[in-house]
């Protein structure tokens, strides 16, 4: 039985995490406004949004009552994030050239197949919420790291142009806040699957892609 005060603190952390995550998921909106206006994706990469879609689908599955009970706050933001990611990916399908559109479409199809297969395997072979949570949580851990490291896919362009137009500071800030809030959520009470997933996200985001990009752009480069 979780003490009332800890339960309240957990819910507060979860609500803050929902707000921070929603800010994170909506932070690329200005990019997609630009894409819609120009009716072209230009040099923007679909990779972060494809990884985001996969990650949100896995964590939505994780938060289902028959996998990880009492995870309503995780379920709401994961499902919302999945819808937003699908919308962004759809814009790539609309405004990309034929070759890129085909690649994006195939990746989305593969992700959907993987999630369906994962669901069937978990429901068929694992008969307790503990085992289901562990199996999907481990996969969610991997997809979370991939999502927060996905800005590395545009690192070459950021360094070559010395511009963060393709990697927004708002995205970095929202990512860090989101990871920190959900790390706190995973501590109240201790939930290793949620805690370690988000603790790793926070470290990845702080020391990784966006932080390096901004240091690169705003600091003197030895090769510049």
N, C-alpha and C. Protein backbone atom coordinates (compact mmCIF):
# COMPACT_ATOMS: atom_id res chain seq x y z
N UNK A 1 0.84 -1.20 0.00
CA UNK A 1 0.00 0.00 0.00
C UNK A 1 0.87 1.24 0.00
N UNK A 2 0.68 2.11 -0.98
CA UNK A 2 1.48 3.32 -1.10
C UNK A 2 0.90 4.41 -0.19
N UNK A 3 1.74 5.03 0.68
CA UNK A 3 1.26 6.12 1.54
C UNK A 3 0.63 7.24 0.72
N UNK A 4 -0.36 7.90 1.30
CA UNK A 4 -1.12 8.92 0.59
C UNK A 4 -0.23 10.05 0.08
N UNK A 5 0.71 10.49 0.92
CA UNK A 5 1.57 11.61 0.53
C UNK A 5 2.44 11.25 -0.67
N UNK A 6 2.94 10.03 -0.69
CA UNK A 6 3.77 9.58 -1.82
C UNK A 6 2.91 9.47 -3.08
N UNK A 7 1.68 8.99 -2.92
CA UNK A 7 0.78 8.88 -4.06
C UNK A 7 0.47 10.24 -4.66
N UNK A 8 0.26 11.24 -3.78
CA UNK A 8 -0.01 12.60 -4.24
C UNK A 8 1.21 13.15 -4.98
N UNK A 9 2.41 12.96 -4.38
CA UNK A 9 3.64 13.44 -5.01
C UNK A 9 3.86 12.76 -6.36
N UNK A 10 3.53 11.49 -6.44
CA UNK A 10 3.68 10.74 -7.69
C UNK A 10 2.74 11.31 -8.76
N UNK A 11 1.50 11.58 -8.36
CA UNK A 11 0.54 12.15 -9.31
C UNK A 11 0.95 13.54 -9.78
N UNK A 12 1.50 14.34 -8.86
CA UNK A 12 1.97 15.68 -9.23
C UNK A 12 3.12 15.56 -10.25
N UNK A 13 4.06 14.65 -9.95
CA UNK A 13 5.18 14.43 -10.88
C UNK A 13 4.67 13.95 -12.24
N UNK A 14 3.65 13.11 -12.21
CA UNK A 14 3.08 12.61 -13.45
C UNK A 14 2.40 13.69 -14.27
N UNK A 15 1.68 14.58 -13.58
CA UNK A 15 1.02 15.70 -14.28
C UNK A 15 2.07 16.63 -14.87
N UNK A 16 3.11 16.94 -14.08
CA UNK A 16 4.19 17.78 -14.60
C UNK A 16 4.87 17.10 -15.78
N UNK A 17 5.05 15.79 -15.66
CA UNK A 17 5.65 15.03 -16.76
C UNK A 17 4.79 15.06 -18.01
N UNK A 18 3.47 15.01 -17.84
CA UNK A 18 2.56 15.11 -18.98
C UNK A 18 2.69 16.46 -19.66
N UNK A 19 2.74 17.53 -18.86
CA UNK A 19 2.86 18.89 -19.42
C UNK A 19 4.19 19.05 -20.15
N UNK A 20 5.28 18.59 -19.51
CA UNK A 20 6.61 18.70 -20.12
C UNK A 20 6.69 17.87 -21.40
N UNK A 21 6.11 16.67 -21.36
CA UNK A 21 6.14 15.80 -22.53
C UNK A 21 5.33 16.40 -23.67
N UNK A 22 4.19 16.98 -23.35
CA UNK A 22 3.37 17.61 -24.39
C UNK A 22 4.13 18.77 -25.03
N UNK A 23 4.84 19.53 -24.21
CA UNK A 23 5.67 20.63 -24.74
C UNK A 23 6.76 20.08 -25.65
N UNK A 24 7.32 18.95 -25.25
CA UNK A 24 8.35 18.30 -26.06
C UNK A 24 7.79 17.86 -27.41
N UNK A 25 6.65 17.20 -27.38
CA UNK A 25 6.08 16.66 -28.60
C UNK A 25 5.63 17.76 -29.57
N UNK A 26 5.24 18.92 -29.00
CA UNK A 26 4.76 20.01 -29.85
C UNK A 26 5.87 20.99 -30.24
N UNK A 27 7.06 20.82 -29.68
CA UNK A 27 8.14 21.77 -29.95
C UNK A 27 8.54 21.86 -31.43
N UNK A 28 8.39 20.78 -32.24
CA UNK A 28 8.74 20.93 -33.67
C UNK A 28 7.65 21.58 -34.52
N UNK A 29 6.59 22.10 -33.90
CA UNK A 29 5.47 22.63 -34.68
C UNK A 29 5.93 23.68 -35.69
N UNK A 30 6.85 24.57 -35.27
CA UNK A 30 7.30 25.61 -36.19
C UNK A 30 8.00 25.04 -37.42
N UNK A 31 8.66 23.89 -37.24
CA UNK A 31 9.28 23.22 -38.39
C UNK A 31 8.20 22.78 -39.38
N UNK A 32 7.13 22.22 -38.87
CA UNK A 32 6.09 21.70 -39.75
C UNK A 32 5.21 22.80 -40.34
N UNK A 33 5.13 23.93 -39.65
CA UNK A 33 4.48 25.09 -40.27
C UNK A 33 5.29 25.54 -41.48
N UNK A 34 6.61 25.54 -41.32
CA UNK A 34 7.50 25.90 -42.42
C UNK A 34 7.37 24.89 -43.57
N UNK A 35 7.30 23.61 -43.24
CA UNK A 35 7.15 22.58 -44.27
C UNK A 35 5.84 22.76 -45.03
N UNK A 36 4.76 23.04 -44.30
CA UNK A 36 3.46 23.22 -44.94
C UNK A 36 3.44 24.45 -45.84
N UNK A 37 4.08 25.53 -45.40
CA UNK A 37 4.10 26.76 -46.19
C UNK A 37 4.89 26.56 -47.48
N UNK A 38 6.02 25.85 -47.38
CA UNK A 38 6.87 25.64 -48.55
C UNK A 38 6.48 24.38 -49.33
N UNK A 39 5.59 23.58 -48.72
CA UNK A 39 5.13 22.35 -49.36
C UNK A 39 6.30 21.44 -49.74
N UNK A 40 7.30 21.42 -48.86
CA UNK A 40 8.48 20.58 -49.07
C UNK A 40 9.16 20.36 -47.72
N UNK A 41 9.73 19.17 -47.51
CA UNK A 41 10.39 18.86 -46.24
C UNK A 41 11.82 19.39 -46.21
N UNK A 42 12.30 19.88 -47.35
CA UNK A 42 13.66 20.40 -47.47
C UNK A 42 14.66 19.36 -46.95
N UNK A 43 15.54 19.77 -46.01
CA UNK A 43 16.55 18.85 -45.52
C UNK A 43 16.19 18.28 -44.14
N UNK A 44 14.97 18.51 -43.70
CA UNK A 44 14.57 17.98 -42.40
C UNK A 44 14.44 16.46 -42.46
N UNK A 45 14.91 15.82 -41.39
CA UNK A 45 14.92 14.35 -41.35
C UNK A 45 13.66 13.81 -40.67
N UNK A 46 13.08 12.75 -41.22
CA UNK A 46 11.92 12.13 -40.56
C UNK A 46 12.31 11.19 -39.43
N UNK A 47 13.60 10.90 -39.29
CA UNK A 47 14.06 9.91 -38.32
C UNK A 47 13.58 10.17 -36.89
N UNK A 48 13.75 11.39 -36.34
CA UNK A 48 13.29 11.61 -34.96
C UNK A 48 11.81 11.33 -34.76
N UNK A 49 11.00 11.61 -35.76
CA UNK A 49 9.55 11.45 -35.64
C UNK A 49 9.13 9.99 -35.82
N UNK A 50 9.87 9.26 -36.63
CA UNK A 50 9.62 7.83 -36.78
C UNK A 50 10.00 7.09 -35.50
N UNK A 51 11.12 7.48 -34.91
CA UNK A 51 11.54 6.88 -33.64
C UNK A 51 10.55 7.25 -32.53
N UNK A 52 10.11 8.51 -32.53
CA UNK A 52 9.12 8.97 -31.56
C UNK A 52 7.84 8.16 -31.67
N UNK A 53 7.38 7.89 -32.88
CA UNK A 53 6.16 7.12 -33.09
C UNK A 53 6.30 5.72 -32.51
N UNK A 54 7.42 5.07 -32.79
CA UNK A 54 7.65 3.73 -32.27
C UNK A 54 7.71 3.74 -30.75
N UNK A 55 8.41 4.70 -30.20
CA UNK A 55 8.54 4.79 -28.75
C UNK A 55 7.19 4.98 -28.07
N UNK A 56 6.37 5.87 -28.62
CA UNK A 56 5.07 6.14 -28.00
C UNK A 56 4.14 4.94 -28.10
N UNK A 57 4.22 4.20 -29.18
CA UNK A 57 3.38 3.00 -29.32
C UNK A 57 3.78 1.95 -28.28
N UNK A 58 5.08 1.79 -28.08
CA UNK A 58 5.56 0.80 -27.10
C UNK A 58 5.12 1.19 -25.68
N UNK A 59 5.26 2.48 -25.34
CA UNK A 59 4.90 2.90 -23.98
C UNK A 59 3.39 2.96 -23.78
N UNK A 60 2.64 3.16 -24.85
CA UNK A 60 1.18 3.06 -24.74
C UNK A 60 0.80 1.62 -24.42
N UNK A 61 1.45 0.68 -25.08
CA UNK A 61 1.22 -0.73 -24.80
C UNK A 61 1.62 -1.07 -23.36
N UNK A 62 2.76 -0.53 -22.93
CA UNK A 62 3.26 -0.77 -21.57
C UNK A 62 2.25 -0.31 -20.53
N UNK A 63 1.60 0.82 -20.77
CA UNK A 63 0.71 1.44 -19.77
C UNK A 63 -0.70 0.85 -19.76
N UNK A 64 -0.97 -0.10 -20.62
CA UNK A 64 -2.29 -0.73 -20.63
C UNK A 64 -2.52 -1.47 -19.30
N UNK A 65 -3.76 -1.49 -18.81
CA UNK A 65 -4.05 -2.13 -17.51
C UNK A 65 -3.64 -3.59 -17.44
N UNK A 66 -3.70 -4.29 -18.57
CA UNK A 66 -3.35 -5.71 -18.57
C UNK A 66 -1.85 -5.95 -18.73
N UNK A 67 -1.08 -4.87 -18.77
CA UNK A 67 0.39 -4.98 -18.80
C UNK A 67 0.99 -4.36 -17.54
N UNK A 68 0.69 -3.09 -17.30
CA UNK A 68 1.24 -2.37 -16.14
C UNK A 68 0.11 -1.57 -15.49
N UNK A 69 -0.62 -2.16 -14.55
CA UNK A 69 -1.78 -1.50 -13.95
C UNK A 69 -1.44 -0.17 -13.27
N UNK A 70 -2.45 0.67 -13.13
CA UNK A 70 -2.32 1.96 -12.43
C UNK A 70 -1.31 2.88 -13.11
N UNK A 71 -1.34 2.93 -14.42
CA UNK A 71 -0.41 3.78 -15.17
C UNK A 71 -1.17 4.75 -16.08
N UNK A 72 -2.24 5.30 -15.56
CA UNK A 72 -3.10 6.17 -16.36
C UNK A 72 -2.35 7.36 -16.93
N UNK A 73 -1.50 8.01 -16.10
CA UNK A 73 -0.77 9.19 -16.57
C UNK A 73 0.24 8.84 -17.65
N UNK A 74 0.83 7.66 -17.56
CA UNK A 74 1.74 7.20 -18.61
C UNK A 74 0.96 6.92 -19.88
N UNK A 75 -0.20 6.32 -19.73
CA UNK A 75 -1.03 5.98 -20.89
C UNK A 75 -1.50 7.22 -21.64
N UNK A 76 -1.97 8.24 -20.90
CA UNK A 76 -2.52 9.43 -21.56
C UNK A 76 -1.47 10.15 -22.39
N UNK A 77 -0.28 10.34 -21.83
CA UNK A 77 0.72 11.11 -22.56
C UNK A 77 1.36 10.27 -23.67
N UNK A 78 1.48 8.97 -23.47
CA UNK A 78 2.05 8.11 -24.51
C UNK A 78 1.12 8.04 -25.72
N UNK A 79 -0.18 7.90 -25.46
CA UNK A 79 -1.14 7.85 -26.55
C UNK A 79 -1.20 9.20 -27.28
N UNK A 80 -1.17 10.28 -26.51
CA UNK A 80 -1.17 11.62 -27.11
C UNK A 80 0.07 11.83 -27.96
N UNK A 81 1.21 11.44 -27.42
CA UNK A 81 2.47 11.57 -28.17
C UNK A 81 2.46 10.75 -29.44
N UNK A 82 1.85 9.58 -29.38
CA UNK A 82 1.75 8.75 -30.58
C UNK A 82 0.91 9.40 -31.67
N UNK A 83 -0.18 10.03 -31.27
CA UNK A 83 -1.04 10.72 -32.24
C UNK A 83 -0.30 11.90 -32.88
N UNK A 84 0.43 12.66 -32.05
CA UNK A 84 1.19 13.80 -32.56
C UNK A 84 2.29 13.33 -33.51
N UNK A 85 3.00 12.27 -33.12
CA UNK A 85 4.07 11.73 -33.97
C UNK A 85 3.51 11.25 -35.30
N UNK A 86 2.35 10.60 -35.26
CA UNK A 86 1.72 10.12 -36.49
C UNK A 86 1.35 11.28 -37.40
N UNK A 87 0.90 12.37 -36.81
CA UNK A 87 0.56 13.57 -37.59
C UNK A 87 1.80 14.13 -38.28
N UNK A 88 2.90 14.23 -37.54
CA UNK A 88 4.15 14.74 -38.12
C UNK A 88 4.64 13.84 -39.25
N UNK A 89 4.60 12.54 -39.01
CA UNK A 89 5.04 11.58 -40.02
C UNK A 89 4.16 11.67 -41.27
N UNK A 90 2.86 11.89 -41.06
CA UNK A 90 1.95 12.04 -42.20
C UNK A 90 2.33 13.23 -43.06
N UNK A 91 2.77 14.32 -42.44
CA UNK A 91 3.22 15.49 -43.20
C UNK A 91 4.45 15.16 -44.03
N UNK A 92 5.34 14.32 -43.50
CA UNK A 92 6.49 13.87 -44.28
C UNK A 92 6.02 13.04 -45.48
N UNK A 93 5.02 12.23 -45.28
CA UNK A 93 4.50 11.42 -46.38
C UNK A 93 3.87 12.30 -47.46
N UNK A 94 3.26 13.39 -47.05
CA UNK A 94 2.58 14.28 -48.00
C UNK A 94 3.58 15.13 -48.78
N UNK A 95 4.58 15.68 -48.08
CA UNK A 95 5.44 16.69 -48.70
C UNK A 95 6.83 16.19 -49.11
N UNK A 96 7.11 14.90 -48.94
CA UNK A 96 8.39 14.35 -49.38
C UNK A 96 8.33 13.96 -50.84
N UNK A 97 9.51 13.79 -51.43
CA UNK A 97 9.54 13.26 -52.80
C UNK A 97 9.19 11.77 -52.76
N UNK A 98 9.00 11.19 -53.91
CA UNK A 98 8.50 9.82 -53.98
C UNK A 98 9.42 8.82 -53.27
N UNK A 99 10.72 8.97 -53.45
CA UNK A 99 11.67 8.04 -52.86
C UNK A 99 11.62 8.09 -51.34
N UNK A 100 11.65 9.30 -50.78
CA UNK A 100 11.61 9.44 -49.32
C UNK A 100 10.24 9.01 -48.78
N UNK A 101 9.19 9.31 -49.52
CA UNK A 101 7.84 8.93 -49.10
C UNK A 101 7.73 7.41 -48.97
N UNK A 102 8.32 6.71 -49.91
CA UNK A 102 8.29 5.25 -49.87
C UNK A 102 9.05 4.72 -48.66
N UNK A 103 10.21 5.29 -48.38
CA UNK A 103 11.00 4.86 -47.23
C UNK A 103 10.26 5.09 -45.92
N UNK A 104 9.67 6.28 -45.78
CA UNK A 104 8.94 6.61 -44.55
C UNK A 104 7.74 5.68 -44.39
N UNK A 105 7.02 5.45 -45.47
CA UNK A 105 5.85 4.57 -45.43
C UNK A 105 6.21 3.15 -45.02
N UNK A 106 7.33 2.64 -45.55
CA UNK A 106 7.77 1.29 -45.20
C UNK A 106 8.17 1.19 -43.74
N UNK A 107 8.83 2.23 -43.23
CA UNK A 107 9.23 2.23 -41.82
C UNK A 107 8.01 2.24 -40.92
N UNK A 108 7.01 3.06 -41.25
CA UNK A 108 5.78 3.11 -40.46
C UNK A 108 5.08 1.75 -40.47
N UNK A 109 5.01 1.13 -41.63
CA UNK A 109 4.38 -0.18 -41.75
C UNK A 109 5.12 -1.21 -40.90
N UNK A 110 6.45 -1.17 -40.95
CA UNK A 110 7.27 -2.10 -40.17
C UNK A 110 7.04 -1.89 -38.67
N UNK A 111 6.96 -0.64 -38.24
CA UNK A 111 6.74 -0.33 -36.83
C UNK A 111 5.38 -0.87 -36.37
N UNK A 112 4.35 -0.68 -37.19
CA UNK A 112 3.02 -1.17 -36.83
C UNK A 112 3.01 -2.70 -36.71
N UNK A 113 3.69 -3.36 -37.64
CA UNK A 113 3.77 -4.82 -37.60
C UNK A 113 4.48 -5.28 -36.33
N UNK A 114 5.58 -4.61 -35.98
CA UNK A 114 6.34 -4.98 -34.79
C UNK A 114 5.51 -4.83 -33.52
N UNK A 115 4.74 -3.74 -33.43
CA UNK A 115 3.92 -3.52 -32.24
C UNK A 115 2.81 -4.55 -32.15
N UNK A 116 2.20 -4.89 -33.27
CA UNK A 116 1.15 -5.92 -33.29
C UNK A 116 1.72 -7.28 -32.86
N UNK A 117 2.88 -7.62 -33.41
CA UNK A 117 3.53 -8.89 -33.05
C UNK A 117 3.89 -8.90 -31.57
N UNK A 118 4.44 -7.79 -31.08
CA UNK A 118 4.80 -7.69 -29.67
C UNK A 118 3.57 -7.88 -28.78
N UNK A 119 2.48 -7.26 -29.15
CA UNK A 119 1.24 -7.39 -28.38
C UNK A 119 0.76 -8.83 -28.33
N UNK A 120 0.76 -9.49 -29.48
CA UNK A 120 0.30 -10.88 -29.55
C UNK A 120 1.21 -11.81 -28.74
N UNK A 121 2.51 -11.59 -28.84
CA UNK A 121 3.46 -12.43 -28.11
C UNK A 121 3.28 -12.26 -26.61
N UNK A 122 3.15 -11.02 -26.17
CA UNK A 122 3.01 -10.74 -24.74
C UNK A 122 1.73 -11.34 -24.19
N UNK A 123 0.63 -11.18 -24.92
CA UNK A 123 -0.65 -11.70 -24.44
C UNK A 123 -0.70 -13.23 -24.46
N UNK A 124 0.01 -13.83 -25.42
CA UNK A 124 -0.05 -15.28 -25.59
C UNK A 124 0.91 -16.02 -24.66
N UNK A 125 2.13 -15.51 -24.53
CA UNK A 125 3.17 -16.25 -23.82
C UNK A 125 3.39 -15.81 -22.37
N UNK A 126 3.04 -14.58 -22.06
CA UNK A 126 3.27 -14.07 -20.70
C UNK A 126 1.92 -13.88 -20.00
N UNK A 127 1.80 -14.51 -18.83
CA UNK A 127 0.48 -14.58 -18.20
C UNK A 127 0.39 -13.82 -16.88
N UNK A 128 1.31 -12.91 -16.65
CA UNK A 128 1.21 -12.06 -15.46
C UNK A 128 1.62 -10.64 -15.84
N UNK A 129 1.06 -9.66 -15.13
CA UNK A 129 1.40 -8.27 -15.44
C UNK A 129 2.86 -7.98 -15.15
N UNK A 130 3.43 -8.66 -14.19
CA UNK A 130 4.85 -8.44 -13.87
C UNK A 130 5.73 -8.83 -15.05
N UNK A 131 5.48 -9.99 -15.63
CA UNK A 131 6.30 -10.44 -16.77
C UNK A 131 6.04 -9.59 -18.00
N UNK A 132 4.79 -9.23 -18.22
CA UNK A 132 4.47 -8.38 -19.36
C UNK A 132 5.12 -7.01 -19.23
N UNK A 133 5.06 -6.46 -18.01
CA UNK A 133 5.68 -5.15 -17.77
C UNK A 133 7.18 -5.19 -18.02
N UNK A 134 7.81 -6.27 -17.55
CA UNK A 134 9.26 -6.40 -17.72
C UNK A 134 9.64 -6.51 -19.18
N UNK A 135 8.93 -7.34 -19.94
CA UNK A 135 9.26 -7.54 -21.35
C UNK A 135 9.09 -6.26 -22.16
N UNK A 136 7.93 -5.62 -22.01
CA UNK A 136 7.68 -4.40 -22.79
C UNK A 136 8.49 -3.24 -22.24
N UNK A 137 8.72 -3.21 -20.93
CA UNK A 137 9.52 -2.14 -20.33
C UNK A 137 10.95 -2.13 -20.84
N UNK A 138 11.53 -3.31 -21.03
CA UNK A 138 12.90 -3.40 -21.56
C UNK A 138 12.94 -2.86 -22.99
N UNK A 139 11.95 -3.23 -23.78
CA UNK A 139 11.88 -2.73 -25.16
C UNK A 139 11.67 -1.21 -25.13
N UNK A 140 10.80 -0.74 -24.23
CA UNK A 140 10.57 0.70 -24.09
C UNK A 140 11.82 1.44 -23.68
N UNK A 141 12.63 0.81 -22.86
CA UNK A 141 13.91 1.42 -22.45
C UNK A 141 14.78 1.68 -23.68
N UNK A 142 14.85 0.67 -24.55
CA UNK A 142 15.67 0.79 -25.76
C UNK A 142 15.11 1.87 -26.69
N UNK A 143 13.80 1.86 -26.91
CA UNK A 143 13.21 2.85 -27.83
C UNK A 143 13.30 4.27 -27.25
N UNK A 144 13.28 4.39 -25.93
CA UNK A 144 13.42 5.71 -25.31
C UNK A 144 14.81 6.28 -25.57
N UNK A 145 15.83 5.44 -25.41
CA UNK A 145 17.20 5.88 -25.69
C UNK A 145 17.33 6.27 -27.15
N UNK A 146 16.73 5.48 -28.03
CA UNK A 146 16.78 5.79 -29.47
C UNK A 146 16.09 7.12 -29.76
N UNK A 147 14.96 7.37 -29.09
CA UNK A 147 14.22 8.61 -29.34
C UNK A 147 15.02 9.82 -28.90
N UNK A 148 15.62 9.74 -27.74
CA UNK A 148 16.33 10.91 -27.23
C UNK A 148 17.71 11.07 -27.87
N UNK A 149 18.21 10.01 -28.50
CA UNK A 149 19.48 10.12 -29.22
C UNK A 149 19.27 10.39 -30.70
N UNK A 150 18.01 10.36 -31.16
CA UNK A 150 17.73 10.50 -32.59
C UNK A 150 18.19 11.83 -33.19
N UNK A 151 18.30 12.93 -32.41
CA UNK A 151 18.85 14.15 -33.02
C UNK A 151 20.25 14.00 -33.58
N UNK A 152 20.97 12.92 -33.20
CA UNK A 152 22.29 12.67 -33.79
C UNK A 152 22.18 12.48 -35.30
N UNK A 153 20.99 12.12 -35.77
CA UNK A 153 20.80 11.90 -37.20
C UNK A 153 21.01 13.17 -38.01
N UNK A 154 20.88 14.34 -37.36
CA UNK A 154 21.08 15.60 -38.08
C UNK A 154 22.33 16.32 -37.59
N UNK A 155 23.16 15.63 -36.79
CA UNK A 155 24.34 16.27 -36.22
C UNK A 155 25.30 16.78 -37.30
N UNK A 156 25.49 16.00 -38.36
CA UNK A 156 26.41 16.40 -39.42
C UNK A 156 25.99 17.73 -40.04
N UNK A 157 24.67 17.90 -40.28
CA UNK A 157 24.18 19.14 -40.88
C UNK A 157 24.33 20.31 -39.91
N UNK A 158 24.09 20.06 -38.62
CA UNK A 158 24.22 21.13 -37.62
C UNK A 158 25.65 21.63 -37.56
N UNK A 159 26.61 20.70 -37.57
CA UNK A 159 28.02 21.08 -37.49
C UNK A 159 28.47 21.78 -38.77
N UNK A 160 28.07 21.26 -39.92
CA UNK A 160 28.52 21.82 -41.19
C UNK A 160 27.95 23.22 -41.44
N UNK A 161 26.71 23.44 -40.99
CA UNK A 161 26.09 24.75 -41.21
C UNK A 161 26.32 25.70 -40.05
N UNK A 162 26.81 25.15 -38.91
CA UNK A 162 26.98 25.94 -37.68
C UNK A 162 25.68 26.63 -37.30
N UNK A 163 24.60 25.91 -37.48
CA UNK A 163 23.27 26.44 -37.20
C UNK A 163 22.41 25.37 -36.56
N UNK A 164 21.59 25.77 -35.59
CA UNK A 164 20.69 24.82 -34.94
C UNK A 164 19.28 24.92 -35.50
N UNK A 165 19.14 25.41 -36.72
CA UNK A 165 17.82 25.49 -37.34
C UNK A 165 17.18 24.10 -37.43
N UNK A 166 18.04 23.07 -37.55
CA UNK A 166 17.52 21.72 -37.70
C UNK A 166 17.49 20.97 -36.35
N UNK A 167 17.85 21.67 -35.27
CA UNK A 167 17.81 21.06 -33.94
C UNK A 167 17.49 22.17 -32.95
N UNK A 168 16.24 22.30 -32.58
CA UNK A 168 15.77 23.44 -31.82
C UNK A 168 16.18 23.36 -30.36
N UNK A 169 16.52 24.53 -29.78
CA UNK A 169 16.86 24.59 -28.36
C UNK A 169 15.63 24.25 -27.52
N UNK A 170 14.44 24.65 -27.97
CA UNK A 170 13.21 24.36 -27.24
C UNK A 170 13.00 22.85 -27.11
N UNK A 171 13.44 22.11 -28.14
CA UNK A 171 13.34 20.66 -28.12
C UNK A 171 14.25 20.08 -27.04
N UNK A 172 15.47 20.62 -26.96
CA UNK A 172 16.44 20.19 -25.95
C UNK A 172 15.92 20.46 -24.55
N UNK A 173 15.41 21.66 -24.32
CA UNK A 173 14.92 22.06 -23.00
C UNK A 173 13.73 21.21 -22.58
N UNK A 174 12.78 21.03 -23.47
CA UNK A 174 11.59 20.24 -23.17
C UNK A 174 11.96 18.77 -22.92
N UNK A 175 12.94 18.26 -23.67
CA UNK A 175 13.39 16.87 -23.49
C UNK A 175 13.97 16.66 -22.11
N UNK A 176 14.79 17.59 -21.68
CA UNK A 176 15.41 17.47 -20.36
C UNK A 176 14.37 17.55 -19.26
N UNK A 177 13.44 18.51 -19.36
CA UNK A 177 12.39 18.68 -18.35
C UNK A 177 11.49 17.45 -18.29
N UNK A 178 11.19 16.90 -19.45
CA UNK A 178 10.35 15.71 -19.52
C UNK A 178 11.02 14.52 -18.84
N UNK A 179 12.27 14.29 -19.18
CA UNK A 179 13.01 13.17 -18.59
C UNK A 179 13.14 13.31 -17.09
N UNK A 180 13.40 14.52 -16.61
CA UNK A 180 13.57 14.76 -15.18
C UNK A 180 12.26 14.51 -14.43
N UNK A 181 11.14 15.01 -14.97
CA UNK A 181 9.84 14.85 -14.31
C UNK A 181 9.46 13.37 -14.20
N UNK A 182 9.69 12.62 -15.29
CA UNK A 182 9.31 11.21 -15.26
C UNK A 182 10.29 10.37 -14.46
N UNK A 183 11.52 10.84 -14.30
CA UNK A 183 12.46 10.18 -13.38
C UNK A 183 11.94 10.28 -11.96
N UNK A 184 11.46 11.47 -11.58
CA UNK A 184 10.87 11.66 -10.25
C UNK A 184 9.64 10.78 -10.09
N UNK A 185 8.82 10.71 -11.12
CA UNK A 185 7.61 9.86 -11.09
C UNK A 185 8.00 8.40 -10.81
N UNK A 186 9.08 7.95 -11.44
CA UNK A 186 9.52 6.57 -11.26
C UNK A 186 10.10 6.26 -9.91
N UNK A 187 10.33 7.30 -9.11
CA UNK A 187 10.86 7.11 -7.75
C UNK A 187 9.76 7.07 -6.70
N UNK A 188 8.53 7.39 -7.06
CA UNK A 188 7.45 7.59 -6.09
C UNK A 188 6.24 6.70 -6.37
N UNK A 189 6.20 5.48 -5.88
CA UNK A 189 7.30 4.70 -5.32
C UNK A 189 8.22 4.22 -6.44
N UNK A 190 9.26 3.52 -6.07
CA UNK A 190 10.27 3.14 -7.05
C UNK A 190 9.70 2.16 -8.06
N UNK A 191 9.75 2.56 -9.31
CA UNK A 191 9.35 1.71 -10.44
C UNK A 191 10.56 1.64 -11.36
N UNK A 192 11.34 0.57 -11.29
CA UNK A 192 12.61 0.52 -12.02
C UNK A 192 12.48 0.71 -13.52
N UNK A 193 11.41 0.20 -14.12
CA UNK A 193 11.25 0.30 -15.57
C UNK A 193 11.06 1.75 -16.01
N UNK A 194 10.22 2.49 -15.30
CA UNK A 194 9.99 3.89 -15.64
C UNK A 194 11.18 4.75 -15.21
N UNK A 195 11.73 4.47 -14.02
CA UNK A 195 12.85 5.28 -13.52
C UNK A 195 14.07 5.19 -14.43
N UNK A 196 14.56 4.00 -14.70
CA UNK A 196 15.79 3.86 -15.47
C UNK A 196 15.62 4.32 -16.91
N UNK A 197 14.44 4.11 -17.46
CA UNK A 197 14.18 4.59 -18.82
C UNK A 197 14.32 6.10 -18.90
N UNK A 198 13.73 6.80 -17.94
CA UNK A 198 13.74 8.26 -17.99
C UNK A 198 15.03 8.87 -17.46
N UNK A 199 15.68 8.17 -16.52
CA UNK A 199 16.97 8.64 -16.04
C UNK A 199 17.98 8.60 -17.18
N UNK A 200 17.90 7.54 -17.98
CA UNK A 200 18.80 7.43 -19.14
C UNK A 200 18.45 8.48 -20.19
N UNK A 201 17.15 8.76 -20.36
CA UNK A 201 16.73 9.81 -21.28
C UNK A 201 17.33 11.15 -20.88
N UNK A 202 17.23 11.45 -19.59
CA UNK A 202 17.72 12.74 -19.09
C UNK A 202 19.21 12.89 -19.36
N UNK A 203 19.97 11.84 -19.05
CA UNK A 203 21.42 11.89 -19.28
C UNK A 203 21.74 12.01 -20.76
N UNK A 204 21.03 11.23 -21.56
CA UNK A 204 21.27 11.27 -23.00
C UNK A 204 21.03 12.66 -23.55
N UNK A 205 19.93 13.28 -23.13
CA UNK A 205 19.57 14.59 -23.66
C UNK A 205 20.52 15.67 -23.15
N UNK A 206 20.89 15.59 -21.88
CA UNK A 206 21.72 16.64 -21.30
C UNK A 206 23.14 16.61 -21.84
N UNK A 207 23.71 15.43 -21.88
CA UNK A 207 25.10 15.31 -22.31
C UNK A 207 25.24 15.00 -23.80
N UNK A 208 24.13 14.69 -24.44
CA UNK A 208 24.18 14.22 -25.80
C UNK A 208 23.91 15.22 -26.86
N UNK A 209 23.03 14.81 -27.78
CA UNK A 209 22.86 15.46 -29.07
C UNK A 209 22.66 16.96 -29.02
N UNK A 210 21.64 17.44 -28.35
CA UNK A 210 21.35 18.86 -28.39
C UNK A 210 22.40 19.68 -27.65
N UNK A 211 22.84 19.16 -26.50
CA UNK A 211 23.86 19.89 -25.76
C UNK A 211 25.13 20.06 -26.58
N UNK A 212 25.56 18.98 -27.23
CA UNK A 212 26.76 19.05 -28.07
C UNK A 212 26.56 20.02 -29.22
N UNK A 213 25.38 19.99 -29.83
CA UNK A 213 25.10 20.87 -30.95
C UNK A 213 25.20 22.33 -30.56
N UNK A 214 24.63 22.68 -29.43
CA UNK A 214 24.65 24.08 -29.02
C UNK A 214 26.06 24.52 -28.60
N UNK A 215 26.81 23.60 -28.00
CA UNK A 215 28.20 23.93 -27.69
C UNK A 215 28.99 24.13 -28.97
N UNK A 216 28.72 23.29 -29.96
CA UNK A 216 29.40 23.38 -31.24
C UNK A 216 29.12 24.71 -31.93
N UNK A 217 27.88 25.13 -31.91
CA UNK A 217 27.48 26.33 -32.63
C UNK A 217 27.94 27.59 -31.91
N UNK A 218 27.82 27.59 -30.58
CA UNK A 218 28.07 28.80 -29.83
C UNK A 218 29.50 28.89 -29.26
N UNK A 219 30.33 27.87 -29.49
CA UNK A 219 31.72 27.92 -29.05
C UNK A 219 32.64 27.93 -30.24
N UNK A 220 33.87 28.47 -30.08
CA UNK A 220 34.83 28.47 -31.20
C UNK A 220 35.17 27.06 -31.61
N UNK A 221 35.20 26.83 -32.91
CA UNK A 221 35.55 25.51 -33.42
C UNK A 221 37.02 25.50 -33.84
N UNK A 222 37.76 24.48 -33.43
CA UNK A 222 39.18 24.42 -33.80
C UNK A 222 39.41 24.34 -35.30
N UNK A 223 38.41 23.80 -36.02
CA UNK A 223 38.57 23.65 -37.47
C UNK A 223 37.86 24.76 -38.25
N UNK A 224 37.22 25.72 -37.54
CA UNK A 224 36.47 26.77 -38.21
C UNK A 224 37.39 27.79 -38.87
